[in-house]
Amino acid sequence: MEKNRKYTVWLTDQGGHAFMGKPDEPESRWRVYGEYVGNEPGVGLWLHVEYVEQTTAMGEPRLFAVSPPVCLVPWTYVITIQLQGEKFEGVKVTDYKH
């Protein structure tokens, strides 16, 4: 992975619940969108998170901002990682997690 590049990190359902601190949410797909900051060998990757997307089986996607925006995403939460373009356009954050 390259620093200062945008990535989408797909999380396991359990990982998404833990990352967002939302253990009582329904089963969901979780994606973290952000800029790669660095790697913590054997632990996870650091991202400057722009937003997190949660999608339930029959629901509309919910978007969350996180604070602080630079977060460690443990490797045990990660399903796959996708390289993205320079910007995430047309995104409106509808919720906030602090």
PDB file of N, CA and C in Angstrom:
ATOM      1  N   MET A   1       0.847  -1.181   0.000  1.00  0.00           N
ATOM      2  CA  MET A   1       0.000   0.000   0.000  1.00  0.00           C
ATOM      3  C   MET A   1       0.888   1.239   0.000  1.00  0.00           C
ATOM      4  N   GLU A   2       0.385   2.280  -0.626  1.00  0.00           N
ATOM      5  CA  GLU A   2       1.150   3.513  -0.742  1.00  0.00           C
ATOM      6  C   GLU A   2       0.556   4.605   0.145  1.00  0.00           C
ATOM      7  N   LYS A   3       1.424   5.316   0.857  1.00  0.00           N
ATOM      8  CA  LYS A   3       0.964   6.438   1.672  1.00  0.00           C
ATOM      9  C   LYS A   3       0.320   7.494   0.785  1.00  0.00           C
ATOM     10  N   ASN A   4      -0.635   8.199   1.372  1.00  0.00           N
ATOM     11  CA  ASN A   4      -1.350   9.293   0.715  1.00  0.00           C
ATOM     12  C   ASN A   4      -2.223   8.838  -0.452  1.00  0.00           C
ATOM     13  N   ARG A   5      -2.534   7.544  -0.533  1.00  0.00           N
ATOM     14  CA  ARG A   5      -3.464   7.035  -1.540  1.00  0.00           C
ATOM     15  C   ARG A   5      -4.768   6.658  -0.836  1.00  0.00           C
ATOM     16  N   LYS A   6      -5.886   6.727  -1.563  1.00  0.00           N
ATOM     17  CA  LYS A   6      -7.203   6.422  -1.020  1.00  0.00           C
ATOM     18  C   LYS A   6      -7.511   4.930  -1.179  1.00  0.00           C
ATOM     19  N   TYR A   7      -8.058   4.340  -0.120  1.00  0.00           N
ATOM     20  CA  TYR A   7      -8.395   2.928  -0.123  1.00  0.00           C
ATOM     21  C   TYR A   7      -9.773   2.714   0.496  1.00  0.00           C
ATOM     22  N   THR A   8     -10.413   1.626   0.074  1.00  0.00           N
ATOM     23  CA  THR A   8     -11.617   1.133   0.727  1.00  0.00           C
ATOM     24  C   THR A   8     -11.227  -0.158   1.424  1.00  0.00           C
ATOM     25  N   VAL A   9     -11.490  -0.228   2.725  1.00  0.00           N
ATOM     26  CA  VAL A   9     -11.172  -1.416   3.508  1.00  0.00           C
ATOM     27  C   VAL A   9     -12.494  -2.077   3.907  1.00  0.00           C
ATOM     28  N   TRP A  10     -12.719  -3.290   3.415  1.00  0.00           N
ATOM     29  CA  TRP A  10     -13.919  -4.051   3.754  1.00  0.00           C
ATOM     30  C   TRP A  10     -13.655  -4.801   5.053  1.00  0.00           C
ATOM     31  N   LEU A  11     -14.580  -4.669   5.999  1.00  0.00           N
ATOM     32  CA  LEU A  11     -14.431  -5.301   7.306  1.00  0.00           C
ATOM     33  C   LEU A  11     -15.397  -6.473   7.470  1.00  0.00           C
ATOM     34  N   THR A  12     -15.010  -7.426   8.311  1.00  0.00           N
ATOM     35  CA  THR A  12     -15.945  -8.477   8.703  1.00  0.00           C
ATOM     36  C   THR A  12     -17.082  -7.822   9.482  1.00  0.00           C
ATOM     37  N   ASP A  13     -18.199  -8.514   9.599  1.00  0.00           N
ATOM     38  CA  ASP A  13     -19.317  -7.958  10.374  1.00  0.00           C
ATOM     39  C   ASP A  13     -18.885  -7.729  11.826  1.00  0.00           C
ATOM     40  N   GLN A  14     -18.250  -8.715  12.421  1.00  0.00           N
ATOM     41  CA  GLN A  14     -17.777  -8.582  13.805  1.00  0.00           C
ATOM     42  C   GLN A  14     -16.754  -7.451  13.915  1.00  0.00           C
ATOM     43  N   GLY A  15     -15.863  -7.337  12.945  1.00  0.00           N
ATOM     44  CA  GLY A  15     -14.867  -6.270  12.944  1.00  0.00           C
ATOM     45  C   GLY A  15     -15.503  -4.894  12.813  1.00  0.00           C
ATOM     46  N   GLY A  16     -16.524  -4.775  11.965  1.00  0.00           N
ATOM     47  CA  GLY A  16     -17.229  -3.502  11.807  1.00  0.00           C
ATOM     48  C   GLY A  16     -17.916  -3.067  13.079  1.00  0.00           C
ATOM     49  N   HIS A  17     -18.573  -4.022  13.745  1.00  0.00           N
ATOM     50  CA  HIS A  17     -19.216  -3.705  15.024  1.00  0.00           C
ATOM     51  C   HIS A  17     -18.188  -3.230  16.051  1.00  0.00           C
ATOM     52  N   ALA A  18     -17.061  -3.932  16.126  1.00  0.00           N
ATOM     53  CA  ALA A  18     -16.027  -3.569  17.097  1.00  0.00           C
ATOM     54  C   ALA A  18     -15.377  -2.230  16.738  1.00  0.00           C
ATOM     55  N   PHE A  19     -15.058  -2.028  15.457  1.00  0.00           N
ATOM     56  CA  PHE A  19     -14.412  -0.789  15.022  1.00  0.00           C
ATOM     57  C   PHE A  19     -15.283   0.423  15.325  1.00  0.00           C
ATOM     58  N   MET A  20     -16.582   0.293  15.108  1.00  0.00           N
ATOM     59  CA  MET A  20     -17.500   1.412  15.309  1.00  0.00           C
ATOM     60  C   MET A  20     -18.058   1.477  16.723  1.00  0.00           C
ATOM     61  N   GLY A  21     -17.792   0.454  17.547  1.00  0.00           N
ATOM     62  CA  GLY A  21     -18.336   0.463  18.905  1.00  0.00           C
ATOM     63  C   GLY A  21     -19.846   0.346  18.911  1.00  0.00           C
ATOM     64  N   LYS A  22     -20.394  -0.431  17.978  1.00  0.00           N
ATOM     65  CA  LYS A  22     -21.835  -0.600  17.833  1.00  0.00           C
ATOM     66  C   LYS A  22     -22.182  -2.089  17.876  1.00  0.00           C
ATOM     67  N   PRO A  23     -22.066  -2.720  19.045  1.00  0.00           N
ATOM     68  CA  PRO A  23     -22.274  -4.170  19.129  1.00  0.00           C
ATOM     69  C   PRO A  23     -23.710  -4.621  18.880  1.00  0.00           C
ATOM     70  N   ASP A  24     -24.685  -3.752  19.034  1.00  0.00           N
ATOM     71  CA  ASP A  24     -26.084  -4.152  18.908  1.00  0.00           C
ATOM     72  C   ASP A  24     -26.687  -3.894  17.530  1.00  0.00           C
ATOM     73  N   GLU A  25     -25.881  -3.475  16.583  1.00  0.00           N
ATOM     74  CA  GLU A  25     -26.377  -3.231  15.225  1.00  0.00           C
ATOM     75  C   GLU A  25     -26.668  -4.564  14.529  1.00  0.00           C
ATOM     76  N   PRO A  26     -27.588  -4.570  13.565  1.00  0.00           N
ATOM     77  CA  PRO A  26     -27.855  -5.808  12.823  1.00  0.00           C
ATOM     78  C   PRO A  26     -26.655  -6.205  11.963  1.00  0.00           C
ATOM     79  N   GLU A  27     -26.668  -7.448  11.500  1.00  0.00           N
ATOM     80  CA  GLU A  27     -25.596  -7.929  10.627  1.00  0.00           C
ATOM     81  C   GLU A  27     -25.497  -6.999   9.423  1.00  0.00           C
ATOM     82  N   SER A  28     -24.269  -6.622   9.069  1.00  0.00           N
ATOM     83  CA  SER A  28     -24.072  -5.597   8.044  1.00  0.00           C
ATOM     84  C   SER A  28     -22.800  -5.831   7.251  1.00  0.00           C
ATOM     85  N   ARG A  29     -22.733  -5.149   6.099  1.00  0.00           N
ATOM     86  CA  ARG A  29     -21.466  -4.996   5.377  1.00  0.00           C
ATOM     87  C   ARG A  29     -20.868  -3.695   5.870  1.00  0.00           C
ATOM     88  N   TRP A  30     -19.561  -3.701   6.122  1.00  0.00           N
ATOM     89  CA  TRP A  30     -18.870  -2.517   6.640  1.00  0.00           C
ATOM     90  C   TRP A  30     -17.717  -2.174   5.717  1.00  0.00           C
ATOM     91  N   ARG A  31     -17.638  -0.894   5.319  1.00  0.00           N
ATOM     92  CA  ARG A  31     -16.524  -0.418   4.507  1.00  0.00           C
ATOM     93  C   ARG A  31     -15.980   0.861   5.131  1.00  0.00           C
ATOM     94  N   VAL A  32     -14.665   0.914   5.234  1.00  0.00           N
ATOM     95  CA  VAL A  32     -13.981   2.103   5.745  1.00  0.00           C
ATOM     96  C   VAL A  32     -13.282   2.755   4.556  1.00  0.00           C
ATOM     97  N   TYR A  33     -13.573   4.031   4.338  1.00  0.00           N
ATOM     98  CA  TYR A  33     -12.981   4.789   3.236  1.00  0.00           C
ATOM     99  C   TYR A  33     -11.976   5.777   3.818  1.00  0.00           C
ATOM    100  N   GLY A  34     -10.753   5.753   3.324  1.00  0.00           N
ATOM    101  CA  GLY A  34      -9.780   6.693   3.850  1.00  0.00           C
ATOM    102  C   GLY A  34      -8.440   6.644   3.140  1.00  0.00           C
ATOM    103  N   GLU A  35      -7.551   7.469   3.647  1.00  0.00           N
ATOM    104  CA  GLU A  35      -6.206   7.598   3.096  1.00  0.00           C
ATOM    105  C   GLU A  35      -5.237   6.797   3.955  1.00  0.00           C
ATOM    106  N   TYR A  36      -4.408   5.993   3.298  1.00  0.00           N
ATOM    107  CA  TYR A  36      -3.428   5.166   4.004  1.00  0.00           C
ATOM    108  C   TYR A  36      -2.367   6.043   4.651  1.00  0.00           C
ATOM    109  N   VAL A  37      -2.149   5.809   5.946  1.00  0.00           N
ATOM    110  CA  VAL A  37      -1.158   6.572   6.706  1.00  0.00           C
ATOM    111  C   VAL A  37       0.074   5.717   7.002  1.00  0.00           C
ATOM    112  N   GLY A  38      -0.142   4.446   7.332  1.00  0.00           N
ATOM    113  CA  GLY A  38       0.989   3.587   7.651  1.00  0.00           C
ATOM    114  C   GLY A  38       0.549   2.213   8.102  1.00  0.00           C
ATOM    115  N   ASN A  39       1.536   1.396   8.434  1.00  0.00           N
ATOM    116  CA  ASN A  39       1.316   0.014   8.829  1.00  0.00           C
ATOM    117  C   ASN A  39       1.896  -0.222  10.215  1.00  0.00           C
ATOM    118  N   GLU A  40       1.187  -0.968  11.009  1.00  0.00           N
ATOM    119  CA  GLU A  40       1.682  -1.423  12.308  1.00  0.00           C
ATOM    120  C   GLU A  40       1.902  -2.923  12.133  1.00  0.00           C
ATOM    121  N   PRO A  41       3.154  -3.362  11.865  1.00  0.00           N
ATOM    122  CA  PRO A  41       3.406  -4.759  11.513  1.00  0.00           C
ATOM    123  C   PRO A  41       2.769  -5.755  12.490  1.00  0.00           C
ATOM    124  N   GLY A  42       2.020  -6.697  11.916  1.00  0.00           N
ATOM    125  CA  GLY A  42       1.379  -7.738  12.699  1.00  0.00           C
ATOM    126  C   GLY A  42       0.139  -7.292  13.454  1.00  0.00           C
ATOM    127  N   VAL A  43      -0.201  -6.008  13.377  1.00  0.00           N
ATOM    128  CA  VAL A  43      -1.344  -5.484  14.136  1.00  0.00           C
ATOM    129  C   VAL A  43      -2.436  -4.966  13.217  1.00  0.00           C
ATOM    130  N   GLY A  44      -2.099  -4.003  12.345  1.00  0.00           N
ATOM    131  CA  GLY A  44      -3.112  -3.420  11.476  1.00  0.00           C
ATOM    132  C   GLY A  44      -2.561  -2.278  10.653  1.00  0.00           C
ATOM    133  N   LEU A  45      -3.467  -1.557  10.011  1.00  0.00           N
ATOM    134  CA  LEU A  45      -3.070  -0.425   9.195  1.00  0.00           C
ATOM    135  C   LEU A  45      -3.702   0.849   9.729  1.00  0.00           C
ATOM    136  N   TRP A  46      -2.987   1.944   9.562  1.00  0.00           N
ATOM    137  CA  TRP A  46      -3.466   3.259   9.975  1.00  0.00           C
ATOM    138  C   TRP A  46      -4.112   3.943   8.779  1.00  0.00           C
ATOM    139  N   LEU A  47      -5.317   4.445   8.976  1.00  0.00           N
ATOM    140  CA  LEU A  47      -6.038   5.175   7.946  1.00  0.00           C
ATOM    141  C   LEU A  47      -6.493   6.519   8.485  1.00  0.00           C
ATOM    142  N   HIS A  48      -6.455   7.530   7.632  1.00  0.00           N
ATOM    143  CA  HIS A  48      -7.132   8.794   7.920  1.00  0.00           C
ATOM    144  C   HIS A  48      -8.519   8.600   7.325  1.00  0.00           C
ATOM    145  N   VAL A  49      -9.482   8.279   8.186  1.00  0.00           N
ATOM    146  CA  VAL A  49     -10.821   7.862   7.759  1.00  0.00           C
ATOM    147  C   VAL A  49     -11.656   9.062   7.310  1.00  0.00           C
ATOM    148  N   GLU A  50     -12.173   8.956   6.087  1.00  0.00           N
ATOM    149  CA  GLU A  50     -13.098   9.973   5.595  1.00  0.00           C
ATOM    150  C   GLU A  50     -14.517   9.637   6.044  1.00  0.00           C
ATOM    151  N   TYR A  51     -14.887   8.368   5.956  1.00  0.00           N
ATOM    152  CA  TYR A  51     -16.178   7.917   6.475  1.00  0.00           C
ATOM    153  C   TYR A  51     -16.215   6.402   6.505  1.00  0.00           C
ATOM    154  N   VAL A  52     -17.201   5.875   7.251  1.00  0.00           N
ATOM    155  CA  VAL A  52     -17.446   4.445   7.341  1.00  0.00           C
ATOM    156  C   VAL A  52     -18.864   4.212   6.819  1.00  0.00           C
ATOM    157  N   GLU A  53     -19.027   3.188   5.999  1.00  0.00           N
ATOM    158  CA  GLU A  53     -20.343   2.856   5.451  1.00  0.00           C
ATOM    159  C   GLU A  53     -20.821   1.548   6.043  1.00  0.00           C
ATOM    160  N   GLN A  54     -22.061   1.545   6.528  1.00  0.00           N
ATOM    161  CA  GLN A  54     -22.714   0.340   7.043  1.00  0.00           C
ATOM    162  C   GLN A  54     -23.931   0.072   6.171  1.00  0.00           C
ATOM    163  N   THR A  55     -24.036  -1.158   5.642  1.00  0.00           N
ATOM    164  CA  THR A  55     -25.190  -1.535   4.838  1.00  0.00           C
ATOM    165  C   THR A  55     -25.764  -2.833   5.396  1.00  0.00           C
ATOM    166  N   THR A  56     -27.039  -2.788   5.798  1.00  0.00           N
ATOM    167  CA  THR A  56     -27.729  -3.993   6.255  1.00  0.00           C
ATOM    168  C   THR A  56     -28.355  -4.681   5.049  1.00  0.00           C
ATOM    169  N   ALA A  57     -28.847  -5.901   5.241  1.00  0.00           N
ATOM    170  CA  ALA A  57     -29.383  -6.698   4.139  1.00  0.00           C
ATOM    171  C   ALA A  57     -30.500  -5.984   3.378  1.00  0.00           C
ATOM    172  N   MET A  58     -31.406  -5.342   4.056  1.00  0.00           N
ATOM    173  CA  MET A  58     -32.547  -4.718   3.396  1.00  0.00           C
ATOM    174  C   MET A  58     -32.573  -3.204   3.566  1.00  0.00           C
ATOM    175  N   GLY A  59     -31.475  -2.631   4.038  1.00  0.00           N
ATOM    176  CA  GLY A  59     -31.478  -1.209   4.337  1.00  0.00           C
ATOM    177  C   GLY A  59     -30.636  -0.379   3.388  1.00  0.00           C
ATOM    178  N   GLU A  60     -30.833   0.909   3.504  1.00  0.00           N
ATOM    179  CA  GLU A  60     -30.012   1.868   2.776  1.00  0.00           C
ATOM    180  C   GLU A  60     -28.674   2.007   3.501  1.00  0.00           C
ATOM    181  N   PRO A  61     -27.610   2.303   2.780  1.00  0.00           N
ATOM    182  CA  PRO A  61     -26.320   2.509   3.447  1.00  0.00           C
ATOM    183  C   PRO A  61     -26.386   3.686   4.422  1.00  0.00           C
ATOM    184  N   ARG A  62     -25.732   3.517   5.566  1.00  0.00           N
ATOM    185  CA  ARG A  62     -25.584   4.593   6.541  1.00  0.00           C
ATOM    186  C   ARG A  62     -24.121   4.974   6.563  1.00  0.00           C
ATOM    187  N   LEU A  63     -23.856   6.278   6.571  1.00  0.00           N
ATOM    188  CA  LEU A  63     -22.484   6.771   6.549  1.00  0.00           C
ATOM    189  C   LEU A  63     -22.170   7.449   7.871  1.00  0.00           C
ATOM    190  N   PHE A  64     -20.973   7.172   8.391  1.00  0.00           N
ATOM    191  CA  PHE A  64     -20.546   7.702   9.679  1.00  0.00           C
ATOM    192  C   PHE A  64     -19.202   8.399   9.538  1.00  0.00           C
ATOM    193  N   ALA A  65     -19.047   9.494  10.252  1.00  0.00           N
ATOM    194  CA  ALA A  65     -17.738  10.110  10.445  1.00  0.00           C
ATOM    195  C   ALA A  65     -17.196   9.574  11.764  1.00  0.00           C
ATOM    196  N   VAL A  66     -15.886   9.541  11.924  1.00  0.00           N
ATOM    197  CA  VAL A  66     -15.287   9.094  13.177  1.00  0.00           C
ATOM    198  C   VAL A  66     -14.338  10.169  13.699  1.00  0.00           C
ATOM    199  N   SER A  67     -14.158  10.161  15.009  1.00  0.00           N
ATOM    200  CA  SER A  67     -13.249  11.116  15.631  1.00  0.00           C
ATOM    201  C   SER A  67     -12.499  10.403  16.747  1.00  0.00           C
ATOM    202  N   PRO A  68     -11.191  10.478  16.737  1.00  0.00           N
ATOM    203  CA  PRO A  68     -10.312  11.176  15.797  1.00  0.00           C
ATOM    204  C   PRO A  68     -10.314  10.453  14.453  1.00  0.00           C
ATOM    205  N   PRO A  69      -9.989  11.177  13.375  1.00  0.00           N
ATOM    206  CA  PRO A  69     -10.079  10.569  12.053  1.00  0.00           C
ATOM    207  C   PRO A  69      -8.962   9.585  11.720  1.00  0.00           C
ATOM    208  N   VAL A  70      -7.829   9.660  12.385  1.00  0.00           N
ATOM    209  CA  VAL A  70      -6.749   8.703  12.122  1.00  0.00           C
ATOM    210  C   VAL A  70      -6.941   7.510  13.056  1.00  0.00           C
ATOM    211  N   CYS A  71      -7.192   6.348  12.444  1.00  0.00           N
ATOM    212  CA  CYS A  71      -7.554   5.146  13.210  1.00  0.00           C
ATOM    213  C   CYS A  71      -6.691   3.959  12.803  1.00  0.00           C
ATOM    214  N   LEU A  72      -6.459   3.075  13.766  1.00  0.00           N
ATOM    215  CA  LEU A  72      -5.806   1.805  13.506  1.00  0.00           C
ATOM    216  C   LEU A  72      -6.897   0.774  13.209  1.00  0.00           C
ATOM    217  N   VAL A  73      -6.817   0.147  12.056  1.00  0.00           N
ATOM    218  CA  VAL A  73      -7.762  -0.913  11.679  1.00  0.00           C
ATOM    219  C   VAL A  73      -7.021  -2.240  11.831  1.00  0.00           C
ATOM    220  N   PRO A  74      -7.388  -3.050  12.828  1.00  0.00           N
ATOM    221  CA  PRO A  74      -6.691  -4.322  13.035  1.00  0.00           C
ATOM    222  C   PRO A  74      -6.838  -5.256  11.830  1.00  0.00           C
ATOM    223  N   TRP A  75      -5.757  -5.965  11.489  1.00  0.00           N
ATOM    224  CA  TRP A  75      -5.800  -6.906  10.373  1.00  0.00           C
ATOM    225  C   TRP A  75      -6.867  -7.963  10.569  1.00  0.00           C
ATOM    226  N   THR A  76      -7.165  -8.332  11.813  1.00  0.00           N
ATOM    227  CA  THR A  76      -8.178  -9.364  12.066  1.00  0.00           C
ATOM    228  C   THR A  76      -9.580  -8.916  11.664  1.00  0.00           C
ATOM    229  N   TYR A  77      -9.795  -7.622  11.462  1.00  0.00           N
ATOM    230  CA  TYR A  77     -11.096  -7.097  11.023  1.00  0.00           C
ATOM    231  C   TYR A  77     -11.215  -7.057   9.506  1.00  0.00           C
ATOM    232  N   VAL A  78     -10.106  -7.128   8.789  1.00  0.00           N
ATOM    233  CA  VAL A  78     -10.064  -6.843   7.350  1.00  0.00           C
ATOM    234  C   VAL A  78     -10.389  -8.083   6.510  1.00  0.00           C
ATOM    235  N   ILE A  79     -11.318  -7.876   5.543  1.00  0.00           N
ATOM    236  CA  ILE A  79     -11.606  -8.910   4.540  1.00  0.00           C
ATOM    237  C   ILE A  79     -10.738  -8.668   3.316  1.00  0.00           C
ATOM    238  N   THR A  80     -10.790  -7.460   2.779  1.00  0.00           N
ATOM    239  CA  THR A  80     -10.006  -7.097   1.597  1.00  0.00           C
ATOM    240  C   THR A  80      -9.836  -5.583   1.547  1.00  0.00           C
ATOM    241  N   ILE A  81      -8.919  -5.139   0.703  1.00  0.00           N
ATOM    242  CA  ILE A  81      -8.633  -3.701   0.556  1.00  0.00           C
ATOM    243  C   ILE A  81      -8.614  -3.372  -0.921  1.00  0.00           C
ATOM    244  N   GLN A  82      -9.266  -2.256  -1.292  1.00  0.00           N
ATOM    245  CA  GLN A  82      -9.310  -1.812  -2.677  1.00  0.00           C
ATOM    246  C   GLN A  82      -8.705  -0.421  -2.798  1.00  0.00           C
ATOM    247  N   LEU A  83      -7.846  -0.239  -3.805  1.00  0.00           N
ATOM    248  CA  LEU A  83      -7.311   1.075  -4.124  1.00  0.00           C
ATOM    249  C   LEU A  83      -8.397   1.882  -4.811  1.00  0.00           C
ATOM    250  N   GLN A  84      -8.556   3.153  -4.415  1.00  0.00           N
ATOM    251  CA  GLN A  84      -9.571   4.032  -4.995  1.00  0.00           C
ATOM    252  C   GLN A  84      -8.918   5.182  -5.736  1.00  0.00           C
ATOM    253  N   GLY A  85      -9.746   6.061  -6.304  1.00  0.00           N
ATOM    254  CA  GLY A  85      -9.259   7.257  -6.969  1.00  0.00           C
ATOM    255  C   GLY A  85      -8.774   8.270  -5.944  1.00  0.00           C
ATOM    256  N   GLU A  86      -8.577   9.485  -6.361  1.00  0.00           N
ATOM    257  CA  GLU A  86      -8.047  10.528  -5.490  1.00  0.00           C
ATOM    258  C   GLU A  86      -9.062  11.065  -4.489  1.00  0.00           C
ATOM    259  N   LYS A  87     -10.375  11.041  -4.840  1.00  0.00           N
ATOM    260  CA  LYS A  87     -11.391  11.611  -3.957  1.00  0.00           C
ATOM    261  C   LYS A  87     -12.590  10.689  -3.891  1.00  0.00           C
ATOM    262  N   PHE A  88     -13.319  10.766  -2.785  1.00  0.00           N
ATOM    263  CA  PHE A  88     -14.616  10.117  -2.677  1.00  0.00           C
ATOM    264  C   PHE A  88     -15.631  11.225  -2.916  1.00  0.00           C
ATOM    265  N   GLU A  89     -16.270  11.213  -4.066  1.00  0.00           N
ATOM    266  CA  GLU A  89     -17.168  12.305  -4.420  1.00  0.00           C
ATOM    267  C   GLU A  89     -18.622  11.908  -4.236  1.00  0.00           C
ATOM    268  N   GLY A  90     -19.463  12.900  -3.977  1.00  0.00           N
ATOM    269  CA  GLY A  90     -20.891  12.680  -3.863  1.00  0.00           C
ATOM    270  C   GLY A  90     -21.308  11.957  -2.600  1.00  0.00           C
ATOM    271  N   VAL A  91     -20.524  12.050  -1.545  1.00  0.00           N
ATOM    272  CA  VAL A  91     -20.803  11.346  -0.302  1.00  0.00           C
ATOM    273  C   VAL A  91     -21.295  12.332   0.739  1.00  0.00           C
ATOM    274  N   LYS A  92     -22.401  11.987   1.403  1.00  0.00           N
ATOM    275  CA  LYS A  92     -22.946  12.811   2.469  1.00  0.00           C
ATOM    276  C   LYS A  92     -22.978  11.984   3.747  1.00  0.00           C
ATOM    277  N   VAL A  93     -22.226  12.393   4.765  1.00  0.00           N
ATOM    278  CA  VAL A  93     -22.196  11.699   6.044  1.00  0.00           C
ATOM    279  C   VAL A  93     -23.483  11.992   6.792  1.00  0.00           C
ATOM    280  N   THR A  94     -24.149  10.924   7.268  1.00  0.00           N
ATOM    281  CA  THR A  94     -25.453  11.089   7.929  1.00  0.00           C
ATOM    282  C   THR A  94     -25.429  10.820   9.421  1.00  0.00           C
ATOM    283  N   ASP A  95     -24.311  10.368   9.958  1.00  0.00           N
ATOM    284  CA  ASP A  95     -24.227  10.067  11.382  1.00  0.00           C
ATOM    285  C   ASP A  95     -22.796  10.351  11.840  1.00  0.00           C
ATOM    286  N   TYR A  96     -22.587  10.328  13.137  1.00  0.00           N
ATOM    287  CA  TYR A  96     -21.284  10.672  13.689  1.00  0.00           C
ATOM    288  C   TYR A  96     -21.003   9.788  14.877  1.00  0.00           C
ATOM    289  N   LYS A  97     -19.811   9.235  14.966  1.00  0.00           N
ATOM    290  CA  LYS A  97     -19.401   8.423  16.113  1.00  0.00           C
ATOM    291  C   LYS A  97     -18.197   9.076  16.762  1.00  0.00           C
ATOM    292  N   HIS A  98     -18.293   9.326  18.049  1.00  0.00           N
ATOM    293  CA  HIS A  98     -17.199   9.954  18.786  1.00  0.00           C
ATOM    294  C   HIS A  98     -16.708   9.027  19.856  1.00  0.00           C
TER     295      HIS A  98
END
